[in-house]
Amino acid sequence: QVQLVESGGGLVQAGGSLRLSCAASGNIRSINNMGWYRQVPGKQREMVADITSDNSAQYAASVRGRFTISRDNAKSTMTLQMNNLEPEDTAVYYCAATPGNSWALVPEAFDYWGQGTQVTVSS
């Protein structure tokens, strides 16, 4: 089993920045791909960014150029640097991980999830 814990959410004004962190524990050697996903009440969970074990990344079109995903395999951590935030970025953000190593870019591809951290961007 793998446990994921997110931190770093909060309230920020439009145009501001936040940095989310995800700490993994447990059977971390089983992890290959990781990702950040977000969900707004009443809507489906959507991909924000995915990253492979060798730090190749893909982003949703809505965040490309504003968000940066990274991971430190030695520390079993993953981060999401979010700049130029917009009110539309308001959501609960989840850290996800999977033993899979091929791009899937959908929530169903991930086996492990954190509890989520709220990000609220005011206009």
Protein backbone atom coordinates (compact mmCIF):
# COMPACT_ATOMS: atom_id res chain seq x y z
CA GLN A 1 0.00 0.00 0.00
CA VAL A 2 0.97 3.61 -0.58
CA GLN A 3 -0.12 6.58 1.50
CA LEU A 4 -0.19 10.09 0.04
CA VAL A 5 -0.53 13.30 2.02
CA GLU A 6 -1.01 16.70 0.40
CA SER A 7 -0.19 20.07 1.90
CA GLY A 8 0.06 23.69 0.82
CA GLY A 9 -3.48 24.60 -0.17
CA GLY A 10 -5.13 27.82 0.89
CA LEU A 11 -6.74 31.08 -0.17
CA VAL A 12 -5.00 33.37 -2.63
CA GLN A 13 -5.98 36.30 -4.81
CA ALA A 14 -6.12 36.00 -8.57
CA GLY A 15 -2.66 36.38 -10.02
CA GLY A 16 -1.02 34.94 -6.94
CA SER A 17 0.92 31.72 -6.41
CA LEU A 18 0.69 28.60 -4.29
CA ARG A 19 2.90 25.55 -3.97
CA LEU A 20 1.35 22.17 -3.25
CA SER A 21 3.34 19.27 -1.88
CA CYS A 22 2.65 15.55 -1.74
CA ALA A 23 4.53 13.17 0.53
CA ALA A 24 4.42 9.46 -0.25
CA SER A 25 5.02 6.65 2.25
CA GLY A 26 4.57 2.90 2.43
CA ASN A 27 5.47 0.76 -0.58
CA ILE A 28 6.96 3.67 -2.49
CA ARG A 29 9.14 1.42 -4.63
CA SER A 30 5.96 0.34 -6.41
CA ILE A 31 5.25 3.88 -7.64
CA ASN A 32 5.98 4.94 -11.19
CA ASN A 33 3.68 7.66 -12.48
CA MET A 34 2.27 10.35 -10.23
CA GLY A 35 -0.07 13.24 -10.83
CA TRP A 36 -2.12 16.12 -9.56
CA TYR A 37 -5.85 16.11 -10.14
CA ARG A 38 -8.57 18.51 -9.08
CA GLN A 39 -12.29 18.42 -8.51
CA VAL A 40 -15.03 20.97 -8.15
CA PRO A 41 -18.33 19.96 -6.50
CA GLY A 42 -20.71 18.57 -9.07
CA LYS A 43 -18.00 17.99 -11.66
CA GLN A 44 -15.73 15.09 -12.53
CA ARG A 45 -12.20 14.92 -11.26
CA GLU A 46 -9.82 16.21 -13.93
CA MET A 47 -6.13 15.98 -14.64
CA VAL A 48 -3.93 18.94 -13.82
CA ALA A 49 -0.52 17.40 -14.51
CA ASP A 50 1.08 13.96 -14.66
CA ILE A 51 4.73 13.06 -14.20
CA THR A 52 6.75 9.91 -14.79
CA SER A 53 9.49 8.50 -12.59
CA ASP A 54 12.09 10.16 -14.84
CA ASN A 55 10.36 13.54 -14.56
CA SER A 56 8.65 13.68 -17.95
CA ALA A 57 5.51 15.76 -17.50
CA GLN A 58 2.25 16.53 -19.23
CA TYR A 59 -0.20 19.27 -18.39
CA ALA A 60 -3.83 20.09 -18.94
CA ALA A 61 -4.21 22.85 -21.51
CA SER A 62 -5.84 25.11 -18.94
CA VAL A 63 -2.74 25.18 -16.71
CA ARG A 64 0.11 24.81 -19.20
CA GLY A 65 2.57 27.66 -18.81
CA ARG A 66 1.28 28.55 -15.33
CA PHE A 67 1.77 25.35 -13.33
CA THR A 68 4.91 23.23 -12.94
CA ILE A 69 4.96 19.67 -11.62
CA SER A 70 8.11 18.09 -10.22
CA ARG A 71 9.12 15.16 -8.04
CA ASP A 72 12.04 14.12 -5.91
CA ASN A 73 12.24 10.34 -5.93
CA ALA A 74 14.90 10.28 -3.21
CA LYS A 75 12.57 12.16 -0.84
CA SER A 76 9.36 10.51 -2.12
CA THR A 77 7.79 13.89 -2.69
CA MET A 78 6.00 15.66 -5.53
CA THR A 79 5.20 19.32 -5.86
CA LEU A 80 2.94 21.53 -7.95
CA GLN A 81 4.02 25.14 -8.33
CA MET A 82 0.99 27.19 -9.33
CA ASN A 83 1.54 30.71 -10.64
CA ASN A 84 -0.81 33.33 -12.03
CA LEU A 85 -3.74 31.60 -10.41
CA GLU A 86 -7.24 32.23 -11.71
CA PRO A 87 -10.62 31.88 -9.95
CA GLU A 88 -11.30 28.92 -12.27
CA ASP A 89 -8.43 27.08 -10.55
CA THR A 90 -10.50 26.89 -7.35
CA ALA A 91 -10.93 23.21 -6.48
CA VAL A 92 -9.83 20.43 -4.18
CA TYR A 93 -6.45 19.22 -5.43
CA TYR A 94 -5.48 15.57 -5.08
CA CYS A 95 -2.15 13.81 -5.28
CA ALA A 96 -2.25 10.47 -7.10
CA ALA A 97 0.17 7.63 -7.76
CA THR A 98 0.24 4.37 -9.68
CA PRO A 99 2.57 1.46 -10.45
CA GLY A 100 1.71 2.05 -14.09
CA ASN A 101 4.32 3.66 -16.33
CA SER A 102 2.42 4.60 -19.45
CA TRP A 103 0.58 7.86 -20.00
CA ALA A 104 -3.10 7.61 -19.25
CA LEU A 105 -3.90 11.12 -18.04
CA VAL A 106 -7.19 10.10 -16.44
CA PRO A 107 -8.11 9.50 -12.80
CA GLU A 108 -8.98 5.86 -13.46
CA ALA A 109 -5.31 5.14 -14.20
CA PHE A 110 -4.28 5.86 -10.61
CA ASP A 111 -4.46 3.44 -7.71
CA TYR A 112 -3.54 5.64 -4.77
CA TRP A 113 -4.98 8.98 -3.72
CA GLY A 114 -4.43 11.54 -1.03
CA GLN A 115 -7.23 13.18 0.95
CA GLY A 116 -7.03 16.41 -1.02
CA THR A 117 -6.22 20.01 -0.22
CA GLN A 118 -8.47 22.98 -0.92
CA VAL A 119 -7.27 25.75 -3.20
CA THR A 120 -9.42 28.86 -3.38
CA VAL A 121 -8.62 31.75 -5.72
CA SER A 122 -10.54 34.95 -5.16
CA SER A 123 -11.19 37.48 -7.92
